[in-house]
Amino acid sequence: MIYGIGIDLIKIERMREATDKWGRKFLEKVFTENEIAYCYQKKEPYISLAVRFAAKEALIKAIGSEIAVPLTDIEILNYENGKPSIKAKNKLKDFFKKKKIKNCHLSLSHEKEFGIACVVLEK
């Protein structure tokens, strides 16, 4: 049974501008250390940062307004085969248990100046 669906679109340049303006302070407020390390291994880290930000926003939309979740409680990881996944931490992990959310499906994509993410939560 589907609990919620969320989607988010982001301009990649927006992530570059925020990172240039606020630096490490911004990154640590939005991303986990694992996410930052993963993205900065890439030739173009802003694409990876942007789609991860979109994934976090899409997840928040899928939850609805039931709970305020710190962005660092949402960790976007990749399996060895490249498939993206969401690791729920702290407050979000507790919320998933309470609502009996068993699966969290994630799709990420980007094209030129935009990144997009779609999340489906399943009970």
PDB file of N, CA and C in Angstrom:
ATOM      1  N   MET A   1       0.844  -1.176   0.000  1.00  0.00           N
ATOM      2  CA  MET A   1       0.000   0.000   0.000  1.00  0.00           C
ATOM      3  C   MET A   1       0.891   1.242   0.000  1.00  0.00           C
ATOM      4  N   ILE A   2       0.594   2.191  -0.852  1.00  0.00           N
ATOM      5  CA  ILE A   2       1.385   3.416  -0.936  1.00  0.00           C
ATOM      6  C   ILE A   2       0.994   4.359   0.194  1.00  0.00           C
ATOM      7  N   TYR A   3       2.000   4.827   0.915  1.00  0.00           N
ATOM      8  CA  TYR A   3       1.792   5.801   1.983  1.00  0.00           C
ATOM      9  C   TYR A   3       1.869   7.231   1.438  1.00  0.00           C
ATOM     10  N   GLY A   4       2.836   7.471   0.548  1.00  0.00           N
ATOM     11  CA  GLY A   4       3.003   8.810  -0.001  1.00  0.00           C
ATOM     12  C   GLY A   4       3.942   8.831  -1.192  1.00  0.00           C
ATOM     13  N   ILE A   5       3.778   9.856  -2.007  1.00  0.00           N
ATOM     14  CA  ILE A   5       4.620  10.071  -3.187  1.00  0.00           C
ATOM     15  C   ILE A   5       5.087  11.519  -3.174  1.00  0.00           C
ATOM     16  N   GLY A   6       6.352  11.731  -3.504  1.00  0.00           N
ATOM     17  CA  GLY A   6       6.878  13.093  -3.579  1.00  0.00           C
ATOM     18  C   GLY A   6       7.819  13.229  -4.752  1.00  0.00           C
ATOM     19  N   ILE A   7       7.877  14.421  -5.307  1.00  0.00           N
ATOM     20  CA  ILE A   7       8.778  14.708  -6.423  1.00  0.00           C
ATOM     21  C   ILE A   7       9.347  16.109  -6.224  1.00  0.00           C
ATOM     22  N   ASP A   8      10.577  16.320  -6.658  1.00  0.00           N
ATOM     23  CA  ASP A   8      11.184  17.642  -6.548  1.00  0.00           C
ATOM     24  C   ASP A   8      12.135  17.864  -7.715  1.00  0.00           C
ATOM     25  N   LEU A   9      12.136  19.079  -8.208  1.00  0.00           N
ATOM     26  CA  LEU A   9      12.991  19.507  -9.313  1.00  0.00           C
ATOM     27  C   LEU A   9      13.875  20.637  -8.802  1.00  0.00           C
ATOM     28  N   ILE A  10      15.140  20.610  -9.170  1.00  0.00           N
ATOM     29  CA  ILE A  10      16.067  21.649  -8.712  1.00  0.00           C
ATOM     30  C   ILE A  10      16.989  22.064  -9.853  1.00  0.00           C
ATOM     31  N   LYS A  11      17.323  23.347  -9.867  1.00  0.00           N
ATOM     32  CA  LYS A  11      18.336  23.847 -10.795  1.00  0.00           C
ATOM     33  C   LYS A  11      19.705  23.547 -10.175  1.00  0.00           C
ATOM     34  N   ILE A  12      20.553  22.886 -10.906  1.00  0.00           N
ATOM     35  CA  ILE A  12      21.867  22.500 -10.403  1.00  0.00           C
ATOM     36  C   ILE A  12      22.684  23.733 -10.022  1.00  0.00           C
ATOM     37  N   GLU A  13      22.548  24.804 -10.790  1.00  0.00           N
ATOM     38  CA  GLU A  13      23.279  26.043 -10.503  1.00  0.00           C
ATOM     39  C   GLU A  13      22.931  26.585  -9.118  1.00  0.00           C
ATOM     40  N   ARG A  14      21.711  26.367  -8.672  1.00  0.00           N
ATOM     41  CA  ARG A  14      21.290  26.812  -7.334  1.00  0.00           C
ATOM     42  C   ARG A  14      22.149  26.164  -6.240  1.00  0.00           C
ATOM     43  N   MET A  15      22.496  24.896  -6.438  1.00  0.00           N
ATOM     44  CA  MET A  15      23.336  24.192  -5.462  1.00  0.00           C
ATOM     45  C   MET A  15      24.756  24.753  -5.490  1.00  0.00           C
ATOM     46  N   ARG A  16      25.255  25.044  -6.676  1.00  0.00           N
ATOM     47  CA  ARG A  16      26.587  25.639  -6.801  1.00  0.00           C
ATOM     48  C   ARG A  16      26.619  27.003  -6.096  1.00  0.00           C
ATOM     49  N   GLU A  17      25.609  27.812  -6.325  1.00  0.00           N
ATOM     50  CA  GLU A  17      25.554  29.144  -5.714  1.00  0.00           C
ATOM     51  C   GLU A  17      25.482  29.069  -4.188  1.00  0.00           C
ATOM     52  N   ALA A  18      24.659  28.179  -3.666  1.00  0.00           N
ATOM     53  CA  ALA A  18      24.533  28.039  -2.212  1.00  0.00           C
ATOM     54  C   ALA A  18      25.840  27.558  -1.597  1.00  0.00           C
ATOM     55  N   THR A  19      26.491  26.626  -2.267  1.00  0.00           N
ATOM     56  CA  THR A  19      27.763  26.098  -1.763  1.00  0.00           C
ATOM     57  C   THR A  19      28.852  27.161  -1.830  1.00  0.00           C
ATOM     58  N   ASP A  20      28.897  27.918  -2.914  1.00  0.00           N
ATOM     59  CA  ASP A  20      29.880  28.996  -3.037  1.00  0.00           C
ATOM     60  C   ASP A  20      29.665  30.072  -1.973  1.00  0.00           C
ATOM     61  N   LYS A  21      28.417  30.390  -1.706  1.00  0.00           N
ATOM     62  CA  LYS A  21      28.094  31.454  -0.757  1.00  0.00           C
ATOM     63  C   LYS A  21      28.306  31.029   0.694  1.00  0.00           C
ATOM     64  N   TRP A  22      27.828  29.841   1.069  1.00  0.00           N
ATOM     65  CA  TRP A  22      27.811  29.429   2.476  1.00  0.00           C
ATOM     66  C   TRP A  22      28.855  28.367   2.821  1.00  0.00           C
ATOM     67  N   GLY A  23      29.440  27.733   1.821  1.00  0.00           N
ATOM     68  CA  GLY A  23      30.524  26.782   2.037  1.00  0.00           C
ATOM     69  C   GLY A  23      30.155  25.565   2.867  1.00  0.00           C
ATOM     70  N   ARG A  24      31.117  25.150   3.660  1.00  0.00           N
ATOM     71  CA  ARG A  24      30.990  23.924   4.457  1.00  0.00           C
ATOM     72  C   ARG A  24      29.812  23.993   5.437  1.00  0.00           C
ATOM     73  N   LYS A  25      29.529  25.177   5.951  1.00  0.00           N
ATOM     74  CA  LYS A  25      28.419  25.349   6.892  1.00  0.00           C
ATOM     75  C   LYS A  25      27.095  24.925   6.240  1.00  0.00           C
ATOM     76  N   PHE A  26      26.882  25.333   5.011  1.00  0.00           N
ATOM     77  CA  PHE A  26      25.684  24.943   4.267  1.00  0.00           C
ATOM     78  C   PHE A  26      25.666  23.437   4.049  1.00  0.00           C
ATOM     79  N   LEU A  27      26.769  22.895   3.557  1.00  0.00           N
ATOM     80  CA  LEU A  27      26.836  21.470   3.262  1.00  0.00           C
ATOM     81  C   LEU A  27      26.506  20.631   4.494  1.00  0.00           C
ATOM     82  N   GLU A  28      27.070  20.990   5.650  1.00  0.00           N
ATOM     83  CA  GLU A  28      26.857  20.208   6.870  1.00  0.00           C
ATOM     84  C   GLU A  28      25.435  20.354   7.422  1.00  0.00           C
ATOM     85  N   LYS A  29      24.761  21.411   7.076  1.00  0.00           N
ATOM     86  CA  LYS A  29      23.371  21.597   7.514  1.00  0.00           C
ATOM     87  C   LYS A  29      22.419  20.729   6.683  1.00  0.00           C
ATOM     88  N   VAL A  30      22.783  20.475   5.438  1.00  0.00           N
ATOM     89  CA  VAL A  30      21.900  19.785   4.504  1.00  0.00           C
ATOM     90  C   VAL A  30      22.283  18.320   4.280  1.00  0.00           C
ATOM     91  N   PHE A  31      23.578  18.015   4.283  1.00  0.00           N
ATOM     92  CA  PHE A  31      24.056  16.690   3.899  1.00  0.00           C
ATOM     93  C   PHE A  31      24.839  16.018   5.023  1.00  0.00           C
ATOM     94  N   THR A  32      24.868  14.684   4.981  1.00  0.00           N
ATOM     95  CA  THR A  32      25.698  13.929   5.917  1.00  0.00           C
ATOM     96  C   THR A  32      27.139  13.908   5.397  1.00  0.00           C
ATOM     97  N   GLU A  33      28.053  13.528   6.254  1.00  0.00           N
ATOM     98  CA  GLU A  33      29.464  13.423   5.832  1.00  0.00           C
ATOM     99  C   GLU A  33      29.625  12.415   4.700  1.00  0.00           C
ATOM    100  N   ASN A  34      28.879  11.301   4.759  1.00  0.00           N
ATOM    101  CA  ASN A  34      28.937  10.301   3.686  1.00  0.00           C
ATOM    102  C   ASN A  34      28.497  10.891   2.353  1.00  0.00           C
ATOM    103  N   GLU A  35      27.429  11.681   2.376  1.00  0.00           N
ATOM    104  CA  GLU A  35      26.931  12.295   1.144  1.00  0.00           C
ATOM    105  C   GLU A  35      27.934  13.298   0.576  1.00  0.00           C
ATOM    106  N   ILE A  36      28.490  14.116   1.440  1.00  0.00           N
ATOM    107  CA  ILE A  36      29.465  15.120   0.998  1.00  0.00           C
ATOM    108  C   ILE A  36      30.677  14.434   0.363  1.00  0.00           C
ATOM    109  N   ALA A  37      31.183  13.405   1.039  1.00  0.00           N
ATOM    110  CA  ALA A  37      32.351  12.674   0.527  1.00  0.00           C
ATOM    111  C   ALA A  37      32.038  12.039  -0.827  1.00  0.00           C
ATOM    112  N   TYR A  38      30.882  11.414  -0.953  1.00  0.00           N
ATOM    113  CA  TYR A  38      30.484  10.773  -2.211  1.00  0.00           C
ATOM    114  C   TYR A  38      30.414  11.802  -3.346  1.00  0.00           C
ATOM    115  N   CYS A  39      29.743  12.913  -3.098  1.00  0.00           N
ATOM    116  CA  CYS A  39      29.542  13.922  -4.139  1.00  0.00           C
ATOM    117  C   CYS A  39      30.855  14.546  -4.588  1.00  0.00           C
ATOM    118  N   TYR A  40      31.771  14.778  -3.653  1.00  0.00           N
ATOM    119  CA  TYR A  40      33.030  15.427  -4.014  1.00  0.00           C
ATOM    120  C   TYR A  40      34.048  14.469  -4.617  1.00  0.00           C
ATOM    121  N   GLN A  41      33.689  13.184  -4.732  1.00  0.00           N
ATOM    122  CA  GLN A  41      34.505  12.242  -5.499  1.00  0.00           C
ATOM    123  C   GLN A  41      34.196  12.366  -6.989  1.00  0.00           C
ATOM    124  N   LYS A  42      33.065  12.982  -7.294  1.00  0.00           N
ATOM    125  CA  LYS A  42      32.598  13.103  -8.669  1.00  0.00           C
ATOM    126  C   LYS A  42      33.289  14.264  -9.384  1.00  0.00           C
ATOM    127  N   LYS A  43      33.365  14.157 -10.699  1.00  0.00           N
ATOM    128  CA  LYS A  43      33.943  15.227 -11.512  1.00  0.00           C
ATOM    129  C   LYS A  43      33.142  16.515 -11.333  1.00  0.00           C
ATOM    130  N   GLU A  44      31.810  16.389 -11.283  1.00  0.00           N
ATOM    131  CA  GLU A  44      30.906  17.532 -11.121  1.00  0.00           C
ATOM    132  C   GLU A  44      30.058  17.307  -9.867  1.00  0.00           C
ATOM    133  N   PRO A  45      30.570  17.694  -8.690  1.00  0.00           N
ATOM    134  CA  PRO A  45      29.870  17.396  -7.433  1.00  0.00           C
ATOM    135  C   PRO A  45      28.511  18.068  -7.290  1.00  0.00           C
ATOM    136  N   TYR A  46      28.307  19.185  -7.961  1.00  0.00           N
ATOM    137  CA  TYR A  46      27.050  19.924  -7.786  1.00  0.00           C
ATOM    138  C   TYR A  46      25.845  19.174  -8.346  1.00  0.00           C
ATOM    139  N   ILE A  47      26.063  18.355  -9.361  1.00  0.00           N
ATOM    140  CA  ILE A  47      24.972  17.525  -9.885  1.00  0.00           C
ATOM    141  C   ILE A  47      24.527  16.536  -8.810  1.00  0.00           C
ATOM    142  N   SER A  48      25.495  15.840  -8.221  1.00  0.00           N
ATOM    143  CA  SER A  48      25.177  14.856  -7.179  1.00  0.00           C
ATOM    144  C   SER A  48      24.581  15.510  -5.943  1.00  0.00           C
ATOM    145  N   LEU A  49      25.099  16.669  -5.555  1.00  0.00           N
ATOM    146  CA  LEU A  49      24.527  17.394  -4.420  1.00  0.00           C
ATOM    147  C   LEU A  49      23.087  17.811  -4.723  1.00  0.00           C
ATOM    148  N   ALA A  50      22.867  18.322  -5.919  1.00  0.00           N
ATOM    149  CA  ALA A  50      21.538  18.805  -6.288  1.00  0.00           C
ATOM    150  C   ALA A  50      20.498  17.688  -6.289  1.00  0.00           C
ATOM    151  N   VAL A  51      20.808  16.538  -6.878  1.00  0.00           N
ATOM    152  CA  VAL A  51      19.808  15.465  -6.913  1.00  0.00           C
ATOM    153  C   VAL A  51      19.568  14.892  -5.519  1.00  0.00           C
ATOM    154  N   ARG A  52      20.581  14.919  -4.664  1.00  0.00           N
ATOM    155  CA  ARG A  52      20.375  14.472  -3.280  1.00  0.00           C
ATOM    156  C   ARG A  52      19.480  15.451  -2.518  1.00  0.00           C
ATOM    157  N   PHE A  53      19.689  16.728  -2.751  1.00  0.00           N
ATOM    158  CA  PHE A  53      18.812  17.716  -2.135  1.00  0.00           C
ATOM    159  C   PHE A  53      17.373  17.515  -2.626  1.00  0.00           C
ATOM    160  N   ALA A  54      17.206  17.306  -3.926  1.00  0.00           N
ATOM    161  CA  ALA A  54      15.872  17.066  -4.486  1.00  0.00           C
ATOM    162  C   ALA A  54      15.249  15.813  -3.874  1.00  0.00           C
ATOM    163  N   ALA A  55      16.053  14.788  -3.644  1.00  0.00           N
ATOM    164  CA  ALA A  55      15.543  13.556  -3.031  1.00  0.00           C
ATOM    165  C   ALA A  55      15.035  13.811  -1.616  1.00  0.00           C
ATOM    166  N   LYS A  56      15.767  14.608  -0.867  1.00  0.00           N
ATOM    167  CA  LYS A  56      15.344  14.941   0.500  1.00  0.00           C
ATOM    168  C   LYS A  56      14.033  15.721   0.480  1.00  0.00           C
ATOM    169  N   GLU A  57      13.919  16.670  -0.434  1.00  0.00           N
ATOM    170  CA  GLU A  57      12.695  17.452  -0.561  1.00  0.00           C
ATOM    171  C   GLU A  57      11.531  16.572  -1.017  1.00  0.00           C
ATOM    172  N   ALA A  58      11.778  15.654  -1.939  1.00  0.00           N
ATOM    173  CA  ALA A  58      10.734  14.744  -2.407  1.00  0.00           C
ATOM    174  C   ALA A  58      10.261  13.841  -1.267  1.00  0.00           C
ATOM    175  N   LEU A  59      11.184  13.379  -0.442  1.00  0.00           N
ATOM    176  CA  LEU A  59      10.810  12.545   0.705  1.00  0.00           C
ATOM    177  C   LEU A  59       9.943  13.332   1.678  1.00  0.00           C
ATOM    178  N   ILE A  60      10.305  14.558   1.950  1.00  0.00           N
ATOM    179  CA  ILE A  60       9.515  15.406   2.844  1.00  0.00           C
ATOM    180  C   ILE A  60       8.105  15.606   2.280  1.00  0.00           C
ATOM    181  N   LYS A  61       8.002  15.759   0.978  1.00  0.00           N
ATOM    182  CA  LYS A  61       6.683  15.888   0.345  1.00  0.00           C
ATOM    183  C   LYS A  61       5.893  14.588   0.461  1.00  0.00           C
ATOM    184  N   ALA A  62       6.560  13.450   0.336  1.00  0.00           N
ATOM    185  CA  ALA A  62       5.885  12.161   0.456  1.00  0.00           C
ATOM    186  C   ALA A  62       5.352  11.940   1.873  1.00  0.00           C
ATOM    187  N   ILE A  63       6.050  12.463   2.865  1.00  0.00           N
ATOM    188  CA  ILE A  63       5.614  12.352   4.262  1.00  0.00           C
ATOM    189  C   ILE A  63       4.407  13.245   4.517  1.00  0.00           C
ATOM    190  N   GLY A  64       4.376  14.385   3.854  1.00  0.00           N
ATOM    191  CA  GLY A  64       3.328  15.361   4.119  1.00  0.00           C
ATOM    192  C   GLY A  64       3.757  16.243   5.273  1.00  0.00           C
ATOM    193  N   SER A  65       2.805  16.847   5.925  1.00  0.00           N
ATOM    194  CA  SER A  65       3.138  17.787   7.007  1.00  0.00           C
ATOM    195  C   SER A  65       3.046  17.145   8.386  1.00  0.00           C
ATOM    196  N   GLU A  66       3.165  15.832   8.443  1.00  0.00           N
ATOM    197  CA  GLU A  66       3.019  15.126   9.720  1.00  0.00           C
ATOM    198  C   GLU A  66       4.180  15.329  10.679  1.00  0.00           C
ATOM    199  N   ILE A  67       5.369  15.599  10.146  1.00  0.00           N
ATOM    200  CA  ILE A  67       6.558  15.698  10.992  1.00  0.00           C
ATOM    201  C   ILE A  67       7.591  16.600  10.312  1.00  0.00           C
ATOM    202  N   ALA A  68       8.299  17.376  11.105  1.00  0.00           N
ATOM    203  CA  ALA A  68       9.425  18.165  10.584  1.00  0.00           C
ATOM    204  C   ALA A  68      10.680  17.309  10.727  1.00  0.00           C
ATOM    205  N   VAL A  69      11.368  17.105   9.640  1.00  0.00           N
ATOM    206  CA  VAL A  69      12.537  16.223   9.628  1.00  0.00           C
ATOM    207  C   VAL A  69      13.776  17.017   9.268  1.00  0.00           C
ATOM    208  N   PRO A  70      14.824  16.951  10.110  1.00  0.00           N
ATOM    209  CA  PRO A  70      16.090  17.575   9.715  1.00  0.00           C
ATOM    210  C   PRO A  70      16.624  16.906   8.445  1.00  0.00           C
ATOM    211  N   LEU A  71      17.156  17.685   7.535  1.00  0.00           N
ATOM    212  CA  LEU A  71      17.643  17.120   6.274  1.00  0.00           C
ATOM    213  C   LEU A  71      18.744  16.092   6.475  1.00  0.00           C
ATOM    214  N   THR A  72      19.512  16.211   7.545  1.00  0.00           N
ATOM    215  CA  THR A  72      20.582  15.242   7.794  1.00  0.00           C
ATOM    216  C   THR A  72      20.057  13.922   8.358  1.00  0.00           C
ATOM    217  N   ASP A  73      18.770  13.843   8.683  1.00  0.00           N
ATOM    218  CA  ASP A  73      18.154  12.559   9.061  1.00  0.00           C
ATOM    219  C   ASP A  73      17.819  11.735   7.827  1.00  0.00           C
ATOM    220  N   ILE A  74      17.950  12.344   6.661  1.00  0.00           N
ATOM    221  CA  ILE A  74      17.703  11.686   5.381  1.00  0.00           C
ATOM    222  C   ILE A  74      19.059  11.546   4.694  1.00  0.00           C
ATOM    223  N   GLU A  75      19.505  10.313   4.522  1.00  0.00           N
ATOM    224  CA  GLU A  75      20.802  10.096   3.864  1.00  0.00           C
ATOM    225  C   GLU A  75      20.578   9.361   2.548  1.00  0.00           C
ATOM    226  N   ILE A  76      21.068   9.948   1.470  1.00  0.00           N
ATOM    227  CA  ILE A  76      20.940   9.356   0.142  1.00  0.00           C
ATOM    228  C   ILE A  76      22.228   8.601  -0.167  1.00  0.00           C
ATOM    229  N   LEU A  77      22.080   7.306  -0.352  1.00  0.00           N
ATOM    230  CA  LEU A  77      23.213   6.423  -0.623  1.00  0.00           C
ATOM    231  C   LEU A  77      23.010   5.736  -1.967  1.00  0.00           C
ATOM    232  N   ASN A  78      24.052   5.086  -2.447  1.00  0.00           N
ATOM    233  CA  ASN A  78      23.951   4.288  -3.661  1.00  0.00           C
ATOM    234  C   ASN A  78      24.432   2.876  -3.360  1.00  0.00           C
ATOM    235  N   TYR A  79      23.669   1.896  -3.846  1.00  0.00           N
ATOM    236  CA  TYR A  79      24.130   0.509  -3.780  1.00  0.00           C
ATOM    237  C   TYR A  79      25.320   0.356  -4.727  1.00  0.00           C
ATOM    238  N   GLU A  80      26.004  -0.768  -4.628  1.00  0.00           N
ATOM    239  CA  GLU A  80      27.166  -1.006  -5.498  1.00  0.00           C
ATOM    240  C   GLU A  80      26.793  -0.948  -6.974  1.00  0.00           C
ATOM    241  N   ASN A  81      25.557  -1.327  -7.305  1.00  0.00           N
ATOM    242  CA  ASN A  81      25.121  -1.312  -8.707  1.00  0.00           C
ATOM    243  C   ASN A  81      24.708   0.085  -9.172  1.00  0.00           C
ATOM    244  N   GLY A  82      24.808   1.093  -8.286  1.00  0.00           N
ATOM    245  CA  GLY A  82      24.493   2.473  -8.635  1.00  0.00           C
ATOM    246  C   GLY A  82      23.100   2.921  -8.248  1.00  0.00           C
ATOM    247  N   LYS A  83      22.212   1.971  -7.912  1.00  0.00           N
ATOM    248  CA  LYS A  83      20.836   2.322  -7.558  1.00  0.00           C
ATOM    249  C   LYS A  83      20.822   3.174  -6.290  1.00  0.00           C
ATOM    250  N   PRO A  84      20.122   4.318  -6.339  1.00  0.00           N
ATOM    251  CA  PRO A  84      20.060   5.171  -5.149  1.00  0.00           C
ATOM    252  C   PRO A  84      19.084   4.622  -4.108  1.00  0.00           C
ATOM    253  N   SER A  85      19.356   4.940  -2.858  1.00  0.00           N
ATOM    254  CA  SER A  85      18.490   4.507  -1.769  1.00  0.00           C
ATOM    255  C   SER A  85      18.471   5.580  -0.687  1.00  0.00           C
ATOM    256  N   ILE A  86      17.497   5.457   0.188  1.00  0.00           N
ATOM    257  CA  ILE A  86      17.352   6.393   1.299  1.00  0.00           C
ATOM    258  C   ILE A  86      17.568   5.648   2.600  1.00  0.00           C
ATOM    259  N   LYS A  87      18.457   6.184   3.418  1.00  0.00           N
ATOM    260  CA  LYS A  87      18.672   5.657   4.764  1.00  0.00           C
ATOM    261  C   LYS A  87      18.039   6.645   5.741  1.00  0.00           C
ATOM    262  N   ALA A  88      17.048   6.160   6.472  1.00  0.00           N
ATOM    263  CA  ALA A  88      16.370   6.994   7.473  1.00  0.00           C
ATOM    264  C   ALA A  88      17.154   6.940   8.771  1.00  0.00           C
ATOM    265  N   LYS A  89      17.375   8.104   9.367  1.00  0.00           N
ATOM    266  CA  LYS A  89      18.123   8.186  10.610  1.00  0.00           C
ATOM    267  C   LYS A  89      17.312   8.959  11.648  1.00  0.00           C
ATOM    268  N   ASN A  90      17.606   8.712  12.921  1.00  0.00           N
ATOM    269  CA  ASN A  90      17.064   9.466  14.050  1.00  0.00           C
ATOM    270  C   ASN A  90      15.549   9.638  13.986  1.00  0.00           C
ATOM    271  N   LYS A  91      15.102  10.883  13.939  1.00  0.00           N
ATOM    272  CA  LYS A  91      13.678  11.226  13.964  1.00  0.00           C
ATOM    273  C   LYS A  91      12.913  10.589  12.799  1.00  0.00           C
ATOM    274  N   LEU A  92      13.509  10.573  11.612  1.00  0.00           N
ATOM    275  CA  LEU A  92      12.859   9.978  10.445  1.00  0.00           C
ATOM    276  C   LEU A  92      12.726   8.465  10.617  1.00  0.00           C
ATOM    277  N   LYS A  93      13.750   7.817  11.124  1.00  0.00           N
ATOM    278  CA  LYS A  93      13.712   6.373  11.355  1.00  0.00           C
ATOM    279  C   LYS A  93      12.577   6.028  12.321  1.00  0.00           C
ATOM    280  N   ASP A  94      12.442   6.797  13.391  1.00  0.00           N
ATOM    281  CA  ASP A  94      11.357   6.595  14.353  1.00  0.00           C
ATOM    282  C   ASP A  94       9.993   6.790  13.700  1.00  0.00           C
ATOM    283  N   PHE A  95       9.876   7.808  12.850  1.00  0.00           N
ATOM    284  CA  PHE A  95       8.621   8.078  12.141  1.00  0.00           C
ATOM    285  C   PHE A  95       8.261   6.905  11.234  1.00  0.00           C
ATOM    286  N   PHE A  96       9.232   6.381  10.493  1.00  0.00           N
ATOM    287  CA  PHE A  96       8.982   5.238   9.613  1.00  0.00           C
ATOM    288  C   PHE A  96       8.477   4.038  10.407  1.00  0.00           C
ATOM    289  N   LYS A  97       9.076   3.797  11.572  1.00  0.00           N
ATOM    290  CA  LYS A  97       8.632   2.679  12.424  1.00  0.00           C
ATOM    291  C   LYS A  97       7.198   2.903  12.889  1.00  0.00           C
ATOM    292  N   LYS A  98       6.916   4.089  13.352  1.00  0.00           N
ATOM    293  CA  LYS A  98       5.579   4.428  13.855  1.00  0.00           C
ATOM    294  C   LYS A  98       4.514   4.265  12.771  1.00  0.00           C
ATOM    295  N   LYS A  99       4.816   4.710  11.563  1.00  0.00           N
ATOM    296  CA  LYS A  99       3.860   4.656  10.450  1.00  0.00           C
ATOM    297  C   LYS A  99       3.933   3.351   9.666  1.00  0.00           C
ATOM    298  N   LYS A 100       4.831   2.448  10.096  1.00  0.00           N
ATOM    299  CA  LYS A 100       5.007   1.135   9.459  1.00  0.00           C
ATOM    300  C   LYS A 100       5.380   1.243   7.977  1.00  0.00           C
ATOM    301  N   ILE A 101       6.236   2.189   7.670  1.00  0.00           N
ATOM    302  CA  ILE A 101       6.736   2.348   6.306  1.00  0.00           C
ATOM    303  C   ILE A 101       7.854   1.327   6.105  1.00  0.00           C
ATOM    304  N   LYS A 102       7.622   0.411   5.188  1.00  0.00           N
ATOM    305  CA  LYS A 102       8.536  -0.715   4.978  1.00  0.00           C
ATOM    306  C   LYS A 102       9.524  -0.490   3.841  1.00  0.00           C
ATOM    307  N   ASN A 103       9.104   0.228   2.804  1.00  0.00           N
ATOM    308  CA  ASN A 103       9.963   0.458   1.651  1.00  0.00           C
ATOM    309  C   ASN A 103       9.940   1.928   1.257  1.00  0.00           C
ATOM    310  N   CYS A 104      11.092   2.381   0.821  1.00  0.00           N
ATOM    311  CA  CYS A 104      11.237   3.760   0.374  1.00  0.00           C
ATOM    312  C   CYS A 104      11.929   3.699  -0.987  1.00  0.00           C
ATOM    313  N   HIS A 105      11.174   3.919  -2.040  1.00  0.00           N
ATOM    314  CA  HIS A 105      11.693   3.834  -3.407  1.00  0.00           C
ATOM    315  C   HIS A 105      12.145   5.220  -3.856  1.00  0.00           C
ATOM    316  N   LEU A 106      13.298   5.260  -4.533  1.00  0.00           N
ATOM    317  CA  LEU A 106      13.881   6.528  -4.959  1.00  0.00           C
ATOM    318  C   LEU A 106      14.387   6.436  -6.384  1.00  0.00           C
ATOM    319  N   SER A 107      14.085   7.456  -7.169  1.00  0.00           N
ATOM    320  CA  SER A 107      14.645   7.584  -8.505  1.00  0.00           C
ATOM    321  C   SER A 107      15.224   8.987  -8.654  1.00  0.00           C
ATOM    322  N   LEU A 108      16.435   9.068  -9.198  1.00  0.00           N
ATOM    323  CA  LEU A 108      17.131  10.342  -9.410  1.00  0.00           C
ATOM    324  C   LEU A 108      17.492  10.479 -10.882  1.00  0.00           C
ATOM    325  N   SER A 109      17.469  11.704 -11.378  1.00  0.00           N
ATOM    326  CA  SER A 109      17.903  11.955 -12.744  1.00  0.00           C
ATOM    327  C   SER A 109      18.350  13.406 -12.871  1.00  0.00           C
ATOM    328  N   HIS A 110      19.100  13.675 -13.921  1.00  0.00           N
ATOM    329  CA  HIS A 110      19.506  15.051 -14.213  1.00  0.00           C
ATOM    330  C   HIS A 110      19.713  15.207 -15.711  1.00  0.00           C
ATOM    331  N   GLU A 111      19.521  16.421 -16.156  1.00  0.00           N
ATOM    332  CA  GLU A 111      19.707  16.759 -17.563  1.00  0.00           C
ATOM    333  C   GLU A 111      20.122  18.219 -17.644  1.00  0.00           C
ATOM    334  N   LYS A 112      21.286  18.461 -18.190  1.00  0.00           N
ATOM    335  CA  LYS A 112      21.824  19.807 -18.343  1.00  0.00           C
ATOM    336  C   LYS A 112      21.739  20.601 -17.055  1.00  0.00           C
ATOM    337  N   GLU A 113      20.762  21.484 -16.927  1.00  0.00           N
ATOM    338  CA  GLU A 113      20.735  22.387 -15.773  1.00  0.00           C
ATOM    339  C   GLU A 113      19.809  21.965 -14.642  1.00  0.00           C
ATOM    340  N   PHE A 114      19.109  20.840 -14.794  1.00  0.00           N
ATOM    341  CA  PHE A 114      18.141  20.431 -13.788  1.00  0.00           C
ATOM    342  C   PHE A 114      18.429  19.044 -13.217  1.00  0.00           C
ATOM    343  N   GLY A 115      18.047  18.857 -11.952  1.00  0.00           N
ATOM    344  CA  GLY A 115      18.060  17.567 -11.298  1.00  0.00           C
ATOM    345  C   GLY A 115      16.657  17.298 -10.786  1.00  0.00           C
ATOM    346  N   ILE A 116      16.284  16.023 -10.731  1.00  0.00           N
ATOM    347  CA  ILE A 116      14.937  15.660 -10.283  1.00  0.00           C
ATOM    348  C   ILE A 116      15.010  14.388  -9.452  1.00  0.00           C
ATOM    349  N   ALA A 117      14.080  14.287  -8.499  1.00  0.00           N
ATOM    350  CA  ALA A 117      13.994  13.092  -7.660  1.00  0.00           C
ATOM    351  C   ALA A 117      12.523  12.764  -7.429  1.00  0.00           C
ATOM    352  N   CYS A 118      12.244  11.468  -7.369  1.00  0.00           N
ATOM    353  CA  CYS A 118      10.899  10.972  -7.073  1.00  0.00           C
ATOM    354  C   CYS A 118      11.020   9.945  -5.960  1.00  0.00           C
ATOM    355  N   VAL A 119      10.141  10.049  -4.960  1.00  0.00           N
ATOM    356  CA  VAL A 119      10.132   9.129  -3.827  1.00  0.00           C
ATOM    357  C   VAL A 119       8.735   8.527  -3.694  1.00  0.00           C
ATOM    358  N   VAL A 120       8.692   7.219  -3.475  1.00  0.00           N
ATOM    359  CA  VAL A 120       7.435   6.527  -3.167  1.00  0.00           C
ATOM    360  C   VAL A 120       7.646   5.778  -1.856  1.00  0.00           C
ATOM    361  N   LEU A 121       6.783   6.070  -0.876  1.00  0.00           N
ATOM    362  CA  LEU A 121       6.824   5.393   0.419  1.00  0.00           C
ATOM    363  C   LEU A 121       5.750   4.318   0.442  1.00  0.00           C
ATOM    364  N   GLU A 122       6.129   3.126   0.904  1.00  0.00           N
ATOM    365  CA  GLU A 122       5.235   1.983   0.889  1.00  0.00           C
ATOM    366  C   GLU A 122       5.101   1.408   2.292  1.00  0.00           C
ATOM    367  N   LYS A 123       3.855   1.109   2.669  1.00  0.00           N
ATOM    368  CA  LYS A 123       3.585   0.484   3.973  1.00  0.00           C
ATOM    369  C   LYS A 123       3.643  -1.013   3.847  1.00  0.00           C
TER     370      LYS A 123
END
